[in-house]
Amino acid sequence: MIVIDTEAVRERYAAGEPLRAIADDLGVAVNTVRARLPERRAPGRPRTTDVAAVVRLRDEEGLSFAEIGERLGVDPRTAGRRYAAAKG
């Protein structure tokens, strides 16, 4: 049985660490980590991704979605989705 420190999970998530990174570090599924959060978003976590920043970083700086995600503190797939929606 794996014991998960719920407060530590909330702090890491609030600091901007993606759920997948926390789950991988703990050796559990993302849904297990998500279940430890009282809401999908812990206090202090940004509500949205700056779409303009994603587009600028991709188009002007040529960064990969992994690099954009790291810089903005979001999952690379989120960066990719925001970019695709903006370019629509």
C-alpha atoms as a PDB file:
ATOM      1  CA  MET A   1       0.000   0.000   0.000  1.00  0.00           C
ATOM      2  CA  ILE A   2       1.331   3.413  -0.998  1.00  0.00           C
ATOM      3  CA  VAL A   3       0.889   6.264   1.463  1.00  0.00           C
ATOM      4  CA  ILE A   4       0.490   9.669  -0.157  1.00  0.00           C
ATOM      5  CA  ASP A   5       1.087  12.915   1.707  1.00  0.00           C
ATOM      6  CA  THR A   6      -1.948  14.896   0.539  1.00  0.00           C
ATOM      7  CA  GLU A   7      -0.602  18.229   1.766  1.00  0.00           C
ATOM      8  CA  ALA A   8       2.670  17.699  -0.124  1.00  0.00           C
ATOM      9  CA  VAL A   9       0.712  16.864  -3.300  1.00  0.00           C
ATOM     10  CA  ARG A  10      -1.350  20.065  -2.939  1.00  0.00           C
ATOM     11  CA  GLU A  11       1.776  22.169  -2.357  1.00  0.00           C
ATOM     12  CA  ARG A  12       3.572  20.727  -5.376  1.00  0.00           C
ATOM     13  CA  TYR A  13       0.523  21.246  -7.572  1.00  0.00           C
ATOM     14  CA  ALA A  14      -0.015  24.788  -6.286  1.00  0.00           C
ATOM     15  CA  ALA A  15       3.641  25.515  -7.100  1.00  0.00           C
ATOM     16  CA  GLY A  16       2.893  24.631 -10.725  1.00  0.00           C
ATOM     17  CA  GLU A  17       4.134  21.052 -10.978  1.00  0.00           C
ATOM     18  CA  PRO A  18       2.018  19.070 -13.469  1.00  0.00           C
ATOM     19  CA  LEU A  19      -0.132  16.242 -12.107  1.00  0.00           C
ATOM     20  CA  ARG A  20       1.661  13.733 -14.335  1.00  0.00           C
ATOM     21  CA  ALA A  21       5.069  14.663 -12.893  1.00  0.00           C
ATOM     22  CA  ILE A  22       3.781  14.305  -9.333  1.00  0.00           C
ATOM     23  CA  ALA A  23       2.131  10.968 -10.151  1.00  0.00           C
ATOM     24  CA  ASP A  24       5.262   9.630 -11.845  1.00  0.00           C
ATOM     25  CA  ASP A  25       7.394  10.671  -8.887  1.00  0.00           C
ATOM     26  CA  LEU A  26       5.048   8.918  -6.451  1.00  0.00           C
ATOM     27  CA  GLY A  27       4.599   5.850  -8.648  1.00  0.00           C
ATOM     28  CA  VAL A  28       0.818   6.227  -8.870  1.00  0.00           C
ATOM     29  CA  ALA A  29      -1.780   7.080 -11.512  1.00  0.00           C
ATOM     30  CA  VAL A  30      -2.658  10.690 -12.293  1.00  0.00           C
ATOM     31  CA  ASN A  31      -6.217  10.042 -11.090  1.00  0.00           C
ATOM     32  CA  THR A  32      -4.834   8.998  -7.710  1.00  0.00           C
ATOM     33  CA  VAL A  33      -3.058  12.346  -7.387  1.00  0.00           C
ATOM     34  CA  ARG A  34      -6.096  14.241  -8.700  1.00  0.00           C
ATOM     35  CA  ALA A  35      -8.256  12.586  -6.033  1.00  0.00           C
ATOM     36  CA  ARG A  36      -6.041  14.133  -3.335  1.00  0.00           C
ATOM     37  CA  LEU A  37      -6.942  17.641  -4.474  1.00  0.00           C
ATOM     38  CA  PRO A  38     -10.128  19.115  -3.016  1.00  0.00           C
ATOM     39  CA  GLU A  39     -10.727  20.759  -6.381  1.00  0.00           C
ATOM     40  CA  ARG A  40      -9.126  20.155  -9.737  1.00  0.00           C
ATOM     41  CA  ARG A  41      -6.981  23.181  -8.946  1.00  0.00           C
ATOM     42  CA  ALA A  42      -5.301  23.823  -5.616  1.00  0.00           C
ATOM     43  CA  PRO A  43      -5.267  27.387  -4.218  1.00  0.00           C
ATOM     44  CA  GLY A  44      -2.768  29.626  -5.961  1.00  0.00           C
ATOM     45  CA  ARG A  45      -2.689  27.650  -9.220  1.00  0.00           C
ATOM     46  CA  PRO A  46      -3.235  29.764 -12.329  1.00  0.00           C
ATOM     47  CA  ARG A  47      -6.633  29.221 -13.909  1.00  0.00           C
ATOM     48  CA  THR A  48      -5.610  29.662 -17.524  1.00  0.00           C
ATOM     49  CA  THR A  49      -2.656  29.314 -19.800  1.00  0.00           C
ATOM     50  CA  ASP A  50      -1.463  32.527 -21.444  1.00  0.00           C
ATOM     51  CA  VAL A  51      -2.379  31.650 -25.030  1.00  0.00           C
ATOM     52  CA  ALA A  52      -0.551  34.667 -26.450  1.00  0.00           C
ATOM     53  CA  ALA A  53       2.616  33.520 -24.684  1.00  0.00           C
ATOM     54  CA  VAL A  54       2.239  30.001 -26.109  1.00  0.00           C
ATOM     55  CA  VAL A  55       1.868  31.358 -29.645  1.00  0.00           C
ATOM     56  CA  ARG A  56       4.783  33.783 -29.216  1.00  0.00           C
ATOM     57  CA  LEU A  57       7.097  31.124 -27.786  1.00  0.00           C
ATOM     58  CA  ARG A  58       6.207  28.686 -30.557  1.00  0.00           C
ATOM     59  CA  ASP A  59       6.185  31.058 -33.543  1.00  0.00           C
ATOM     60  CA  GLU A  60       8.817  33.621 -32.591  1.00  0.00           C
ATOM     61  CA  GLU A  61      11.210  31.613 -30.432  1.00  0.00           C
ATOM     62  CA  GLY A  62      10.677  28.235 -32.097  1.00  0.00           C
ATOM     63  CA  LEU A  63      10.314  26.369 -28.813  1.00  0.00           C
ATOM     64  CA  SER A  64       8.871  22.860 -28.636  1.00  0.00           C
ATOM     65  CA  PHE A  65       5.675  22.296 -26.690  1.00  0.00           C
ATOM     66  CA  ALA A  66       7.754  20.532 -24.020  1.00  0.00           C
ATOM     67  CA  GLU A  67       9.920  23.650 -23.665  1.00  0.00           C
ATOM     68  CA  ILE A  68       6.866  25.915 -23.660  1.00  0.00           C
ATOM     69  CA  GLY A  69       5.202  23.757 -21.031  1.00  0.00           C
ATOM     70  CA  GLU A  70       8.280  23.866 -18.838  1.00  0.00           C
ATOM     71  CA  ARG A  71       8.616  27.625 -19.167  1.00  0.00           C
ATOM     72  CA  LEU A  72       4.922  28.309 -18.453  1.00  0.00           C
ATOM     73  CA  GLY A  73       4.456  25.546 -15.883  1.00  0.00           C
ATOM     74  CA  VAL A  74       1.892  23.580 -17.851  1.00  0.00           C
ATOM     75  CA  ASP A  75       1.776  20.140 -19.402  1.00  0.00           C
ATOM     76  CA  PRO A  76       3.204  20.131 -22.952  1.00  0.00           C
ATOM     77  CA  ARG A  77      -0.100  18.764 -24.242  1.00  0.00           C
ATOM     78  CA  THR A  78      -1.898  21.759 -22.750  1.00  0.00           C
ATOM     79  CA  ALA A  79       0.502  24.077 -24.553  1.00  0.00           C
ATOM     80  CA  GLY A  80      -0.137  22.191 -27.795  1.00  0.00           C
ATOM     81  CA  ARG A  81      -3.909  22.365 -27.388  1.00  0.00           C
ATOM     82  CA  ARG A  82      -3.803  26.089 -26.625  1.00  0.00           C
ATOM     83  CA  TYR A  83      -1.623  26.675 -29.685  1.00  0.00           C
ATOM     84  CA  ALA A  84      -3.912  24.646 -31.952  1.00  0.00           C
ATOM     85  CA  ALA A  85      -6.989  26.458 -30.660  1.00  0.00           C
ATOM     86  CA  ALA A  86      -5.357  29.853 -31.215  1.00  0.00           C
ATOM     87  CA  LYS A  87      -4.344  28.955 -34.755  1.00  0.00           C
ATOM     88  CA  GLY A  88      -7.770  27.326 -35.312  1.00  0.00           C
END
